[in-house]
Protein backbone atom coordinates (compact mmCIF):
# COMPACT_ATOMS: atom_id res chain seq x y z
CA MET A 1 139.32 116.20 146.90
CA SER A 2 136.36 117.66 148.64
CA GLY A 3 134.90 121.44 149.15
CA THR A 4 133.51 122.37 152.57
CA TYR A 5 129.85 123.91 152.37
CA ALA A 6 127.14 123.93 154.95
CA THR A 7 124.04 123.07 152.68
CA ILE A 8 125.61 120.38 150.27
CA ARG A 9 128.68 117.99 150.03
CA PHE A 10 131.14 118.14 147.27
CA GLU A 11 133.82 115.56 146.50
CA VAL A 12 135.84 114.53 143.61
CA THR A 13 137.18 111.18 143.27
CA SER A 14 140.12 109.62 141.18
CA ASP A 15 137.39 108.37 138.64
CA ARG A 16 136.63 112.06 137.45
CA VAL A 17 133.63 112.09 138.96
CA ALA A 18 132.29 115.05 140.87
CA THR A 19 129.29 114.47 143.75
CA ILE A 20 126.88 117.38 144.79
CA THR A 21 124.74 115.99 147.85
CA LEU A 22 122.22 118.08 148.89
CA ASP A 23 122.56 118.03 152.52
CA ARG A 24 119.35 119.58 154.19
CA PRO A 25 117.62 116.13 154.98
CA ASP A 26 115.82 117.79 158.12
CA SER A 27 114.12 120.15 155.63
CA LEU A 28 113.36 117.75 153.13
CA ASN A 29 116.74 119.00 151.16
CA ALA A 30 114.55 122.21 150.24
CA PHE A 31 116.94 124.68 149.01
CA ASP A 32 117.22 128.47 150.41
CA ARG A 33 119.71 131.01 149.23
CA GLN A 34 122.53 129.83 150.77
CA MET A 35 122.24 126.56 149.09
CA CYS A 36 121.52 127.96 145.90
CA GLU A 37 124.84 130.01 145.97
CA GLU A 38 126.55 127.07 147.40
CA VAL A 39 125.35 124.78 144.30
CA ARG A 40 126.19 127.45 141.95
CA ASP A 41 129.90 127.79 143.23
CA ALA A 42 130.00 123.93 142.88
CA TRP A 43 129.17 124.29 139.38
CA ARG A 44 131.71 126.87 138.73
CA THR A 45 134.14 124.63 140.19
CA ILE A 46 133.10 121.79 137.97
CA LYS A 47 133.22 123.69 134.91
CA LEU A 48 136.82 124.56 135.62
CA ASP A 49 138.31 121.52 137.16
CA PRO A 50 139.96 119.73 134.43
CA ALA A 51 139.95 116.39 136.74
CA VAL A 52 136.30 116.63 136.51
CA ASN A 53 134.40 114.60 133.51
CA ALA A 54 130.98 113.99 134.85
CA VAL A 55 129.01 114.43 137.95
CA VAL A 56 126.42 112.86 140.26
CA LEU A 57 123.82 114.93 141.77
CA ARG A 58 122.02 113.30 144.87
CA ALA A 59 120.42 114.00 148.25
CA ALA A 60 120.89 112.85 151.92
CA GLY A 61 118.22 111.40 153.65
CA ASP A 62 115.48 108.86 153.03
CA ARG A 63 112.47 111.06 152.74
CA ALA A 64 113.16 113.45 150.14
CA PHE A 65 115.18 114.08 147.14
CA SER A 66 114.08 117.76 147.28
CA ALA A 67 111.03 119.72 148.46
CA GLY A 68 111.85 122.47 146.22
CA LEU A 69 112.08 126.00 147.84
CA ASP A 70 112.12 126.22 151.47
CA ILE A 71 108.94 128.26 152.22
CA LYS A 72 109.94 128.73 155.74
CA LYS A 73 112.96 131.08 155.02
CA ALA A 74 112.83 134.37 153.20
CA TYR A 75 114.61 133.53 149.69
CA GLY A 76 115.96 137.55 149.81
CA GLN A 77 115.31 139.07 146.68
CA PRO A 78 116.34 142.45 145.68
CA ASN A 79 113.78 145.42 146.39
CA ASP A 80 113.95 146.30 142.44
CA VAL A 81 111.54 143.74 141.09
CA TRP A 82 113.21 143.93 137.80
CA ASN A 83 116.44 142.65 139.38
CA HIS A 84 114.54 139.63 140.88
CA GLU A 85 116.27 136.36 139.93
CA ASP A 86 114.92 132.54 139.58
CA PRO A 87 116.54 130.41 142.10
CA GLY A 88 116.81 127.87 138.93
CA GLU A 89 119.58 129.91 137.68
CA LEU A 90 121.95 129.10 140.52
CA LEU A 91 120.98 125.72 140.57
CA SER A 92 120.90 125.11 136.97
CA PRO A 93 124.17 123.51 135.23
CA LYS A 94 123.11 124.78 131.84
CA TRP A 95 122.44 128.25 133.15
CA GLN A 96 126.27 128.05 134.41
CA LYS A 97 127.26 126.76 131.00
CA VAL A 98 128.67 123.63 132.58
CA TRP A 99 128.08 120.82 129.79
CA LYS A 100 129.81 118.11 131.82
CA PRO A 101 127.36 115.31 131.84
CA VAL A 102 125.21 115.18 135.25
CA VAL A 103 123.48 112.03 136.50
CA CYS A 104 120.83 112.56 138.95
CA ALA A 105 119.72 110.30 141.72
CA VAL A 106 116.07 110.43 143.19
CA GLN A 107 114.82 108.87 146.22
CA GLY A 108 111.56 109.86 147.84
CA ILE A 109 109.61 112.98 147.58
CA CYS A 110 110.61 114.94 144.26
CA THR A 111 108.46 118.09 144.24
CA ALA A 112 107.80 121.85 142.96
CA GLY A 113 111.18 123.52 142.56
CA ALA A 114 113.19 119.99 142.75
CA PHE A 115 112.24 119.88 139.12
CA TYR A 116 114.97 122.35 138.52
CA PHE A 117 117.61 119.68 139.30
CA VAL A 118 115.91 116.97 137.39
CA ASN A 119 114.69 119.01 134.19
CA GLU A 120 118.58 120.04 134.04
CA ALA A 121 120.27 116.58 134.42
CA ASP A 122 121.41 114.74 131.25
CA VAL A 123 120.62 111.07 133.06
CA VAL A 124 117.94 110.50 135.52
CA ILE A 125 117.27 107.39 137.54
CA CYS A 126 115.40 106.86 140.69
CA SER A 127 114.88 104.64 143.57
CA ARG A 128 111.47 102.34 143.74
CA ASP A 129 110.21 104.77 146.50
CA ALA A 130 110.56 107.89 144.33
CA THR A 131 107.27 110.16 143.89
CA PHE A 132 107.25 113.13 141.75
CA PHE A 133 104.52 115.93 142.03
CA ASP A 134 104.34 119.72 141.43
CA SER A 135 102.63 121.24 144.71
CA HIS A 136 102.49 124.92 143.37
CA VAL A 137 98.81 124.98 142.08
CA SER A 138 97.47 123.06 145.42
CA ALA A 139 99.29 125.97 147.37
CA GLY A 140 97.21 128.70 145.39
CA MET A 141 100.53 129.25 143.38
CA VAL A 142 101.36 129.51 139.64
CA SER A 143 103.44 126.83 138.12
CA ALA A 144 105.08 128.72 135.43
CA LEU A 145 108.77 127.71 135.66
CA GLU A 146 109.41 124.50 136.38
CA PRO A 147 106.92 123.08 133.61
CA VAL A 148 109.02 124.92 130.84
CA GLY A 149 111.76 122.43 131.57
CA LEU A 150 109.80 119.51 132.41
CA MET A 151 107.99 119.90 129.11
CA ARG A 152 111.30 119.23 127.22
CA ARG A 153 111.62 115.94 129.05
CA ILE A 154 108.11 114.40 129.09
CA GLY A 155 106.08 116.55 126.62
CA LEU A 156 103.10 118.70 126.88
CA GLY A 157 100.26 116.53 128.36
CA GLU A 158 102.14 114.82 131.11
CA THR A 159 103.68 118.09 132.06
CA LEU A 160 99.84 119.61 132.32
CA ARG A 161 98.67 116.71 134.36
CA ILE A 162 101.62 116.97 136.76
CA SER A 163 101.21 120.89 137.07
CA LEU A 164 97.67 120.84 137.29
CA LEU A 165 96.79 118.05 139.92
CA GLY A 166 99.31 119.32 142.31
CA ASN A 167 99.15 117.71 145.54
CA ASP A 168 96.43 115.21 144.27
CA GLU A 169 98.36 112.83 142.32
CA ARG A 170 101.84 111.36 142.97
CA VAL A 171 103.97 110.21 139.78
CA THR A 172 105.42 106.91 140.87
CA ALA A 173 108.52 105.28 139.95
CA HIS A 174 107.23 103.23 137.35
CA THR A 175 105.05 105.93 135.70
CA ALA A 176 108.23 108.31 135.63
CA LEU A 177 109.94 105.48 133.84
CA ARG A 178 107.02 104.91 131.45
CA ILE A 179 106.84 108.67 130.27
CA GLY A 180 110.45 109.46 130.27
CA LEU A 181 111.00 111.50 133.22
CA VAL A 182 113.52 108.86 134.49
CA THR A 183 115.48 106.34 132.72
CA GLU A 184 116.08 103.65 135.29
CA ILE A 185 114.58 102.46 138.59
CA THR A 186 116.95 100.64 141.33
CA GLU A 187 116.61 99.75 145.00
CA ARG A 188 117.17 102.40 147.26
CA ASP A 189 120.37 101.05 148.59
CA GLN A 190 121.57 100.73 145.19
CA LEU A 191 120.75 104.37 143.93
CA TRP A 192 124.00 106.21 144.82
CA SER A 193 126.41 103.18 143.47
CA ARG A 194 124.31 102.97 140.28
CA ALA A 195 124.12 106.41 139.77
CA HIS A 196 128.31 106.65 140.39
CA GLU A 197 128.63 103.57 138.07
CA ILE A 198 126.80 105.70 135.37
CA ALA A 199 128.62 108.84 135.69
CA ALA A 200 132.18 106.90 135.58
CA GLY A 201 131.26 105.25 132.75
CA ILE A 202 130.92 108.43 131.07
CA ALA A 203 133.88 110.12 132.70
CA ALA A 204 136.11 107.36 131.28
CA LYS A 205 135.39 108.72 127.75
CA PRO A 206 137.02 111.73 125.97
CA ALA A 207 135.79 114.69 127.79
CA ALA A 208 135.94 117.00 124.49
CA ALA A 209 133.14 114.08 122.99
CA THR A 210 130.75 113.96 126.08
CA GLN A 211 130.97 117.71 126.38
CA GLY A 212 130.40 118.61 123.02
CA THR A 213 127.48 116.05 122.84
CA VAL A 214 125.71 117.54 125.98
CA ARG A 215 125.94 121.16 124.51
CA ALA A 216 124.97 120.30 121.04
CA ILE A 217 121.74 118.40 122.04
CA TRP A 218 120.91 120.78 124.78
CA GLU A 219 121.50 124.03 122.72
CA SER A 220 119.35 122.20 119.70
CA LEU A 221 116.38 122.70 121.97
CA ASP A 222 116.40 126.60 121.49
CA ARG A 223 116.53 126.24 117.51
CA PRO A 224 114.87 125.37 114.42
CA TYR A 225 115.71 122.23 112.94
CA ARG A 226 117.98 123.10 110.36
CA ALA A 227 119.80 125.57 112.50
CA ALA A 228 120.57 122.78 115.02
CA MET A 229 121.93 120.64 112.40
CA GLU A 230 124.01 123.34 111.22
CA GLN A 231 125.52 124.16 114.72
CA GLY A 232 125.69 120.40 115.40
CA LEU A 233 127.71 119.97 112.80
CA LEU A 234 129.99 122.86 113.80
CA TYR A 235 130.46 121.24 116.93
CA THR A 236 131.62 117.74 115.65
CA ARG A 237 134.24 119.84 113.69
CA LEU A 238 135.43 121.39 116.62
CA GLY A 239 135.33 118.34 119.25
CA ASN A 240 136.06 115.25 117.29
CA PRO A 241 140.01 116.29 116.43
CA ILE A 242 140.43 116.84 120.24
CA GLY A 243 138.39 113.94 121.48
CA MET A 244 139.94 111.52 119.17
CA ALA A 245 143.23 112.61 119.98
CA GLU A 246 142.44 112.15 123.60
CA LEU A 247 141.23 108.49 123.05
CA ALA A 248 144.42 107.92 121.34
CA GLN A 249 146.73 108.69 124.36
CA GLN A 250 144.45 106.28 126.41
CA PRO A 251 145.59 102.84 127.03
CA GLN A 252 143.77 100.37 124.83
CA GLU A 253 141.59 98.32 126.93
CA LYS A 254 138.72 95.84 126.14
CA GLN A 255 135.56 97.18 125.36
CA GLU A 256 132.87 96.27 127.35
CA PHE A 257 129.01 96.53 126.44
CA ARG A 258 125.98 96.33 129.00
CA THR A 259 122.35 96.02 128.44
CA ARG A 260 119.51 97.65 130.30
C-alpha cells in the first residue's frame, strides 16, 4: 500500500511498518508548507490504519536528512498574527496524537527545523556521516522552538551549546551518540535497512502495549512525578488486558534476544 504525494514518499509494508521518506533532496529536504501538510496527512493515515504498528521516518539523498524550513519559499502564515502556527505542529506525530512508535534515520546534515523530526521520534539512529547543528543564531534568528524538544532529549547544557554556537560547531555522529541524541550509528548503506529492522521488531509486538508505552512516557514529560506515576498506572490498567489478549492470539515463536 502506498500514498501519492509531491514532497514525501509513503508506503506500508506487510510487516506493519509505515515508511515516510522526505523527498526534496535537491532542496536538502527542507520543508515548505506543502511538505508540512503532506506529512500531517501521513501521520493521520498512520494513526487510523490498524495495519500500521510502527513507523520509519527517513530522507532521500546523501547530502542531508533535512535543512529545516525552506527559507527560499514563503511558508504562508495567515494575516492575523494570533492565528500563526508553528510548522512543527504539522510535522509532529505527538502533536497529531500519533502514539505508534517512530524510528528516525538520519544521514548527512540535520539542522534547524530538522530537529522537529528528531525531537519527536522515539528511536533515533544515524549514519557515520551525520552532523547535527542549529543554524538559527548564525542567521540572526532566535532559536526558541526546536531547543524545547531537544532539551528533553539531551539536557540543558548540550542544548544551549548547540543553540548558541550555530554554524560554528557541528555535532558528529559519535558525539550525538555520547550525549544521547541518537542511540546507534550505522554505515550509510545500512541506515535504512537497520531502521526498518528496528521498526519491524517493534511492530511485531502487541500494538496496545507499544502505543500505551509511547503515550505514557511522552505524556509524563508534562507532569509532576507523582501525577505521571498515577497516570502511568491507569494506562497499564487500560492497555495490559488488550495487549496480553493480542499476544495470546499470536503463534508461539522462539524469542530472540540481541545486544547492541
